[in-house]
């Protein structure tokens, strides 16, 4: 199950495509943001961000 907080983090990260900038905007650490996104991905059963590219980009599953 994805929480509303994780959904908000996802929305903001998708908009900025930059994990450090998003973490600063949310006033949380970058590792905390990464962990929240990872938990959301685990709940969905699929990656939602492509972490191999900078800036981050949505995977096809993330776009859905």
Protein backbone atom coordinates (compact mmCIF):
# COMPACT_ATOMS: atom_id res chain seq x y z
CA UNK A 1 0.00 0.00 0.00
CA UNK A 2 1.28 3.46 -0.87
CA UNK A 3 0.77 6.25 1.64
CA UNK A 4 -0.34 9.76 0.76
CA UNK A 5 3.07 10.99 1.90
CA UNK A 6 4.84 8.65 -0.52
CA UNK A 7 2.50 9.78 -3.26
CA UNK A 8 3.37 13.42 -2.53
CA UNK A 9 7.09 12.57 -2.58
CA UNK A 10 6.61 10.79 -5.90
CA UNK A 11 4.74 13.75 -7.40
CA UNK A 12 7.39 16.24 -6.33
CA UNK A 13 10.31 14.08 -7.46
CA UNK A 14 8.64 13.50 -10.81
CA UNK A 15 8.30 17.27 -11.22
CA UNK A 16 11.89 18.18 -10.31
CA UNK A 17 13.65 15.03 -11.54
CA UNK A 18 16.33 15.78 -8.93
CA UNK A 19 16.42 13.86 -5.66
CA UNK A 20 18.62 16.24 -3.66
CA UNK A 21 16.62 19.30 -4.68
CA UNK A 22 13.35 17.54 -3.89
CA UNK A 23 14.61 16.44 -0.47
CA UNK A 24 15.61 20.03 0.32
CA UNK A 25 12.18 21.30 -0.76
CA UNK A 26 10.53 18.72 1.51
CA UNK A 27 12.91 19.46 4.41
CA UNK A 28 13.96 15.82 4.65
CA UNK A 29 17.25 14.05 4.01
CA UNK A 30 18.03 12.57 0.62
CA UNK A 31 18.32 9.05 2.09
CA UNK A 32 14.87 9.42 3.69
CA UNK A 33 13.37 10.43 0.35
CA UNK A 34 15.12 7.56 -1.43
CA UNK A 35 13.83 5.10 1.18
CA UNK A 36 10.26 6.38 0.83
CA UNK A 37 10.39 6.06 -2.96
CA UNK A 38 11.89 2.56 -2.65
CA UNK A 39 9.05 1.51 -0.31
CA UNK A 40 6.52 2.84 -2.81
CA UNK A 41 8.22 0.89 -5.60
CA UNK A 42 8.20 -2.26 -3.46
CA UNK A 43 4.48 -1.79 -2.79
CA UNK A 44 3.81 -1.38 -6.51
CA UNK A 45 6.09 -4.23 -7.50
CA UNK A 46 7.88 -2.18 -10.14
CA UNK A 47 10.45 0.62 -10.35
CA UNK A 48 8.87 4.03 -10.93
CA UNK A 49 12.07 6.03 -11.47
CA UNK A 50 15.07 5.32 -13.66
CA UNK A 51 17.98 6.02 -11.34
CA UNK A 52 20.64 5.30 -13.95
CA UNK A 53 20.19 8.66 -15.61
CA UNK A 54 20.48 12.18 -14.31
CA UNK A 55 18.11 13.85 -14.06
CA UNK A 56 15.90 11.05 -12.77
CA UNK A 57 13.24 10.02 -15.22
CA UNK A 58 10.01 8.10 -14.87
CA UNK A 59 9.88 4.52 -16.03
CA UNK A 60 6.91 3.44 -18.12
CA UNK A 61 5.34 2.11 -14.89
CA UNK A 62 5.96 5.46 -13.19
CA UNK A 63 4.22 7.30 -16.01
CA UNK A 64 1.11 5.16 -15.52
